[in-house]
Amino acid sequence: MKLEQSTKKQIIKNASLSLLLYILPIALMFGTFAITGQRPWEKKRHQDKQENTVKTKTTNSQDND
C-alpha cells in the first residue's frame, strides 16, 4: 500500500505542527526564566524549612524577690 503524495505531505505537516505546539510552551517557559533570571527549581519548599528549625520551649517566668 502506497501513500499518495498529498497524504504524505499532510501527515508531515500535521506532525510538525503538533511538535511545535508541544514544544512552544516549554520553550517560552525556559525563555522567560532566562530573561528574568528566576530559578524556581532552586527554591526550597516552606515545609523543608520548618523541619530544619529547632523548636525550643520558652517560659516567661519573672523572679520577683
PDB file of N, CA and C in Angstrom:
ATOM      1  N   MET A   1       0.846  -1.183   0.000  1.00  0.00           N
ATOM      2  CA  MET A   1       0.000   0.000   0.000  1.00  0.00           C
ATOM      3  C   MET A   1       0.885   1.238   0.000  1.00  0.00           C
ATOM      4  N   LYS A   2       0.694   2.044  -0.996  1.00  0.00           N
ATOM      5  CA  LYS A   2       1.497   3.242  -1.149  1.00  0.00           C
ATOM      6  C   LYS A   2       0.676   4.470  -0.793  1.00  0.00           C
ATOM      7  N   LEU A   3       1.312   5.412  -0.094  1.00  0.00           N
ATOM      8  CA  LEU A   3       0.624   6.658   0.266  1.00  0.00           C
ATOM      9  C   LEU A   3       0.655   7.635  -0.902  1.00  0.00           C
ATOM     10  N   GLU A   4      -0.392   8.357  -1.040  1.00  0.00           N
ATOM     11  CA  GLU A   4      -0.390   9.413  -2.045  1.00  0.00           C
ATOM     12  C   GLU A   4       0.507  10.537  -1.571  1.00  0.00           C
ATOM     13  N   GLN A   5       1.019  11.289  -2.505  1.00  0.00           N
ATOM     14  CA  GLN A   5       1.933  12.380  -2.186  1.00  0.00           C
ATOM     15  C   GLN A   5       1.249  13.434  -1.314  1.00  0.00           C
ATOM     16  N   SER A   6      -0.003  13.751  -1.608  1.00  0.00           N
ATOM     17  CA  SER A   6      -0.709  14.771  -0.831  1.00  0.00           C
ATOM     18  C   SER A   6      -0.980  14.290   0.595  1.00  0.00           C
ATOM     19  N   THR A   7      -1.259  13.002   0.769  1.00  0.00           N
ATOM     20  CA  THR A   7      -1.493  12.445   2.098  1.00  0.00           C
ATOM     21  C   THR A   7      -0.199  12.461   2.913  1.00  0.00           C
ATOM     22  N   LYS A   8       0.893  12.120   2.272  1.00  0.00           N
ATOM     23  CA  LYS A   8       2.196  12.127   2.947  1.00  0.00           C
ATOM     24  C   LYS A   8       2.554  13.539   3.413  1.00  0.00           C
ATOM     25  N   LYS A   9       2.334  14.531   2.568  1.00  0.00           N
ATOM     26  CA  LYS A   9       2.625  15.915   2.932  1.00  0.00           C
ATOM     27  C   LYS A   9       1.736  16.377   4.086  1.00  0.00           C
ATOM     28  N   GLN A  10       0.486  15.954   4.051  1.00  0.00           N
ATOM     29  CA  GLN A  10      -0.445  16.351   5.110  1.00  0.00           C
ATOM     30  C   GLN A  10      -0.046  15.731   6.459  1.00  0.00           C
ATOM     31  N   ILE A  11       0.398  14.486   6.444  1.00  0.00           N
ATOM     32  CA  ILE A  11       0.837  13.823   7.674  1.00  0.00           C
ATOM     33  C   ILE A  11       2.067  14.521   8.237  1.00  0.00           C
ATOM     34  N   ILE A  12       3.018  14.845   7.386  1.00  0.00           N
ATOM     35  CA  ILE A  12       4.233  15.535   7.822  1.00  0.00           C
ATOM     36  C   ILE A  12       3.896  16.922   8.367  1.00  0.00           C
ATOM     37  N   LYS A  13       2.994  17.619   7.688  1.00  0.00           N
ATOM     38  CA  LYS A  13       2.582  18.955   8.132  1.00  0.00           C
ATOM     39  C   LYS A  13       1.905  18.888   9.503  1.00  0.00           C
ATOM     40  N   ASN A  14       0.992  17.928   9.680  1.00  0.00           N
ATOM     41  CA  ASN A  14       0.286  17.788  10.950  1.00  0.00           C
ATOM     42  C   ASN A  14       1.225  17.368  12.075  1.00  0.00           C
ATOM     43  N   ALA A  15       2.168  16.482  11.790  1.00  0.00           N
ATOM     44  CA  ALA A  15       3.127  16.042  12.812  1.00  0.00           C
ATOM     45  C   ALA A  15       4.035  17.200  13.229  1.00  0.00           C
ATOM     46  N   SER A  16       4.463  18.000  12.247  1.00  0.00           N
ATOM     47  CA  SER A  16       5.308  19.157  12.553  1.00  0.00           C
ATOM     48  C   SER A  16       4.553  20.177  13.397  1.00  0.00           C
ATOM     49  N   LEU A  17       3.315  20.429  13.059  1.00  0.00           N
ATOM     50  CA  LEU A  17       2.502  21.369  13.828  1.00  0.00           C
ATOM     51  C   LEU A  17       2.275  20.871  15.249  1.00  0.00           C
ATOM     52  N   SER A  18       2.039  19.580  15.409  1.00  0.00           N
ATOM     53  CA  SER A  18       1.846  19.002  16.737  1.00  0.00           C
ATOM     54  C   SER A  18       3.103  19.151  17.589  1.00  0.00           C
ATOM     55  N   LEU A  19       4.263  18.879  17.005  1.00  0.00           N
ATOM     56  CA  LEU A  19       5.519  19.038  17.739  1.00  0.00           C
ATOM     57  C   LEU A  19       5.756  20.497  18.131  1.00  0.00           C
ATOM     58  N   LEU A  20       5.444  21.411  17.228  1.00  0.00           N
ATOM     59  CA  LEU A  20       5.602  22.827  17.528  1.00  0.00           C
ATOM     60  C   LEU A  20       4.709  23.241  18.695  1.00  0.00           C
ATOM     61  N   LEU A  21       3.464  22.807  18.668  1.00  0.00           N
ATOM     62  CA  LEU A  21       2.538  23.153  19.746  1.00  0.00           C
ATOM     63  C   LEU A  21       2.926  22.500  21.067  1.00  0.00           C
ATOM     64  N   TYR A  22       3.594  21.365  21.013  1.00  0.00           N
ATOM     65  CA  TYR A  22       4.047  20.700  22.225  1.00  0.00           C
ATOM     66  C   TYR A  22       5.272  21.399  22.810  1.00  0.00           C
ATOM     67  N   ILE A  23       6.195  21.805  21.955  1.00  0.00           N
ATOM     68  CA  ILE A  23       7.461  22.384  22.395  1.00  0.00           C
ATOM     69  C   ILE A  23       7.341  23.872  22.736  1.00  0.00           C
ATOM     70  N   LEU A  24       6.427  24.585  22.113  1.00  0.00           N
ATOM     71  CA  LEU A  24       6.314  26.033  22.288  1.00  0.00           C
ATOM     72  C   LEU A  24       6.154  26.471  23.739  1.00  0.00           C
ATOM     73  N   PRO A  25       5.229  25.930  24.542  1.00  0.00           N
ATOM     74  CA  PRO A  25       5.107  26.390  25.932  1.00  0.00           C
ATOM     75  C   PRO A  25       6.352  26.113  26.771  1.00  0.00           C
ATOM     76  N   ILE A  26       7.011  24.991  26.501  1.00  0.00           N
ATOM     77  CA  ILE A  26       8.231  24.665  27.242  1.00  0.00           C
ATOM     78  C   ILE A  26       9.338  25.647  26.892  1.00  0.00           C
ATOM     79  N   ALA A  27       9.478  25.963  25.615  1.00  0.00           N
ATOM     80  CA  ALA A  27      10.492  26.916  25.181  1.00  0.00           C
ATOM     81  C   ALA A  27      10.202  28.309  25.735  1.00  0.00           C
ATOM     82  N   LEU A  28       8.943  28.707  25.747  1.00  0.00           N
ATOM     83  CA  LEU A  28       8.584  30.015  26.302  1.00  0.00           C
ATOM     84  C   LEU A  28       8.863  30.084  27.808  1.00  0.00           C
ATOM     85  N   MET A  29       8.606  28.995  28.514  1.00  0.00           N
ATOM     86  CA  MET A  29       8.866  28.958  29.953  1.00  0.00           C
ATOM     87  C   MET A  29      10.365  29.140  30.231  1.00  0.00           C
ATOM     88  N   PHE A  30      11.207  28.372  29.543  1.00  0.00           N
ATOM     89  CA  PHE A  30      12.641  28.496  29.764  1.00  0.00           C
ATOM     90  C   PHE A  30      13.178  29.834  29.263  1.00  0.00           C
ATOM     91  N   GLY A  31      12.587  30.366  28.202  1.00  0.00           N
ATOM     92  CA  GLY A  31      12.970  31.699  27.744  1.00  0.00           C
ATOM     93  C   GLY A  31      12.650  32.762  28.782  1.00  0.00           C
ATOM     94  N   THR A  32      11.493  32.646  29.415  1.00  0.00           N
ATOM     95  CA  THR A  32      11.114  33.573  30.479  1.00  0.00           C
ATOM     96  C   THR A  32      12.066  33.455  31.660  1.00  0.00           C
ATOM     97  N   PHE A  33      12.433  32.237  32.030  1.00  0.00           N
ATOM     98  CA  PHE A  33      13.385  32.051  33.125  1.00  0.00           C
ATOM     99  C   PHE A  33      14.735  32.676  32.789  1.00  0.00           C
ATOM    100  N   ALA A  34      15.162  32.545  31.549  1.00  0.00           N
ATOM    101  CA  ALA A  34      16.451  33.110  31.145  1.00  0.00           C
ATOM    102  C   ALA A  34      16.422  34.632  31.177  1.00  0.00           C
ATOM    103  N   ILE A  35      15.327  35.231  30.748  1.00  0.00           N
ATOM    104  CA  ILE A  35      15.225  36.689  30.700  1.00  0.00           C
ATOM    105  C   ILE A  35      15.100  37.285  32.108  1.00  0.00           C
ATOM    106  N   THR A  36      14.249  36.676  32.944  1.00  0.00           N
ATOM    107  CA  THR A  36      14.000  37.237  34.280  1.00  0.00           C
ATOM    108  C   THR A  36      15.025  36.787  35.308  1.00  0.00           C
ATOM    109  N   GLY A  37      15.749  35.725  35.025  1.00  0.00           N
ATOM    110  CA  GLY A  37      16.744  35.229  35.969  1.00  0.00           C
ATOM    111  C   GLY A  37      16.148  34.385  37.090  1.00  0.00           C
ATOM    112  N   GLN A  38      14.889  34.046  36.989  1.00  0.00           N
ATOM    113  CA  GLN A  38      14.254  33.218  38.013  1.00  0.00           C
ATOM    114  C   GLN A  38      14.718  31.771  37.880  1.00  0.00           C
ATOM    115  N   ARG A  39      14.847  31.113  39.023  1.00  0.00           N
ATOM    116  CA  ARG A  39      15.194  29.691  39.045  1.00  0.00           C
ATOM    117  C   ARG A  39      14.347  29.009  40.103  1.00  0.00           C
ATOM    118  N   PRO A  40      13.076  28.729  39.764  1.00  0.00           N
ATOM    119  CA  PRO A  40      12.173  28.163  40.764  1.00  0.00           C
ATOM    120  C   PRO A  40      12.579  26.773  41.239  1.00  0.00           C
ATOM    121  N   TRP A  41      13.377  26.048  40.491  1.00  0.00           N
ATOM    122  CA  TRP A  41      13.794  24.719  40.897  1.00  0.00           C
ATOM    123  C   TRP A  41      14.845  24.777  41.998  1.00  0.00           C
ATOM    124  N   GLU A  42      15.439  25.963  42.251  1.00  0.00           N
ATOM    125  CA  GLU A  42      16.431  26.097  43.306  1.00  0.00           C
ATOM    126  C   GLU A  42      15.824  26.549  44.628  1.00  0.00           C
ATOM    127  N   LYS A  43      14.573  26.975  44.624  1.00  0.00           N
ATOM    128  CA  LYS A  43      13.927  27.430  45.852  1.00  0.00           C
ATOM    129  C   LYS A  43      13.566  26.240  46.720  1.00  0.00           C
ATOM    130  N   LYS A  44      13.781  26.407  48.028  1.00  0.00           N
ATOM    131  CA  LYS A  44      13.388  25.360  48.964  1.00  0.00           C
ATOM    132  C   LYS A  44      11.925  25.521  49.298  1.00  0.00           C
ATOM    133  N   ARG A  45      11.312  24.395  49.588  1.00  0.00           N
ATOM    134  CA  ARG A  45       9.911  24.446  49.960  1.00  0.00           C
ATOM    135  C   ARG A  45       9.796  24.924  51.404  1.00  0.00           C
ATOM    136  N   HIS A  46       8.671  25.533  51.712  1.00  0.00           N
ATOM    137  CA  HIS A  46       8.427  26.052  53.048  1.00  0.00           C
ATOM    138  C   HIS A  46       8.425  24.922  54.068  1.00  0.00           C
ATOM    139  N   GLN A  47       7.924  23.769  53.706  1.00  0.00           N
ATOM    140  CA  GLN A  47       7.837  22.644  54.618  1.00  0.00           C
ATOM    141  C   GLN A  47       9.234  22.163  55.016  1.00  0.00           C
ATOM    142  N   ASP A  48      10.181  22.126  54.087  1.00  0.00           N
ATOM    143  CA  ASP A  48      11.540  21.716  54.406  1.00  0.00           C
ATOM    144  C   ASP A  48      12.175  22.675  55.392  1.00  0.00           C
ATOM    145  N   LYS A  49      11.886  23.941  55.247  1.00  0.00           N
ATOM    146  CA  LYS A  49      12.463  24.948  56.123  1.00  0.00           C
ATOM    147  C   LYS A  49      11.961  24.753  57.550  1.00  0.00           C
ATOM    148  N   GLN A  50      10.698  24.417  57.713  1.00  0.00           N
ATOM    149  CA  GLN A  50      10.139  24.203  59.040  1.00  0.00           C
ATOM    150  C   GLN A  50      10.735  22.966  59.693  1.00  0.00           C
ATOM    151  N   GLU A  51      11.008  21.939  58.945  1.00  0.00           N
ATOM    152  CA  GLU A  51      11.552  20.713  59.508  1.00  0.00           C
ATOM    153  C   GLU A  51      12.968  20.911  60.018  1.00  0.00           C
ATOM    154  N   ASN A  52      13.722  21.833  59.428  1.00  0.00           N
ATOM    155  CA  ASN A  52      15.106  22.042  59.801  1.00  0.00           C
ATOM    156  C   ASN A  52      15.267  22.972  61.001  1.00  0.00           C
ATOM    157  N   THR A  53      14.228  23.673  61.383  1.00  0.00           N
ATOM    158  CA  THR A  53      14.344  24.591  62.508  1.00  0.00           C
ATOM    159  C   THR A  53      14.245  23.825  63.812  1.00  0.00           C
ATOM    160  N   VAL A  54      14.946  24.329  64.811  1.00  0.00           N
ATOM    161  CA  VAL A  54      14.946  23.698  66.117  1.00  0.00           C
ATOM    162  C   VAL A  54      13.875  24.360  66.959  1.00  0.00           C
ATOM    163  N   LYS A  55      13.012  23.557  67.534  1.00  0.00           N
ATOM    164  CA  LYS A  55      11.952  24.091  68.366  1.00  0.00           C
ATOM    165  C   LYS A  55      12.421  24.082  69.812  1.00  0.00           C
ATOM    166  N   THR A  56      12.316  25.218  70.463  1.00  0.00           N
ATOM    167  CA  THR A  56      12.708  25.308  71.865  1.00  0.00           C
ATOM    168  C   THR A  56      11.523  25.764  72.685  1.00  0.00           C
ATOM    169  N   LYS A  57      11.488  25.306  73.902  1.00  0.00           N
ATOM    170  CA  LYS A  57      10.409  25.690  74.799  1.00  0.00           C
ATOM    171  C   LYS A  57      10.889  26.881  75.613  1.00  0.00           C
ATOM    172  N   THR A  58      10.133  27.932  75.566  1.00  0.00           N
ATOM    173  CA  THR A  58      10.492  29.122  76.333  1.00  0.00           C
ATOM    174  C   THR A  58       9.415  29.393  77.366  1.00  0.00           C
ATOM    175  N   THR A  59       9.860  29.897  78.497  1.00  0.00           N
ATOM    176  CA  THR A  59       8.906  30.273  79.541  1.00  0.00           C
ATOM    177  C   THR A  59       9.164  31.717  79.917  1.00  0.00           C
ATOM    178  N   ASN A  60       8.124  32.380  80.251  1.00  0.00           N
ATOM    179  CA  ASN A  60       8.229  33.768  80.659  1.00  0.00           C
ATOM    180  C   ASN A  60       8.051  33.865  82.173  1.00  0.00           C
ATOM    181  N   SER A  61       9.018  33.373  82.890  1.00  0.00           N
ATOM    182  CA  SER A  61       8.926  33.454  84.345  1.00  0.00           C
ATOM    183  C   SER A  61       9.707  34.668  84.826  1.00  0.00           C
ATOM    184  N   GLN A  62       9.156  35.338  85.782  1.00  0.00           N
ATOM    185  CA  GLN A  62       9.797  36.529  86.345  1.00  0.00           C
ATOM    186  C   GLN A  62      10.144  36.245  87.796  1.00  0.00           C
ATOM    187  N   ASP A  63      11.327  36.619  88.176  1.00  0.00           N
ATOM    188  CA  ASP A  63      11.745  36.468  89.571  1.00  0.00           C
ATOM    189  C   ASP A  63      11.476  37.774  90.296  1.00  0.00           C
ATOM    190  N   ASN A  64      10.530  37.781  91.188  1.00  0.00           N
ATOM    191  CA  ASN A  64      10.194  38.963  91.967  1.00  0.00           C
ATOM    192  C   ASN A  64      10.637  38.751  93.412  1.00  0.00           C
ATOM    193  N   ASP A  65      11.910  38.909  93.678  1.00  0.00           N
ATOM    194  CA  ASP A  65      12.429  38.711  95.033  1.00  0.00           C
ATOM    195  C   ASP A  65      12.307  39.932  95.867  1.00  0.00           C
TER     196      ASP A  65
END
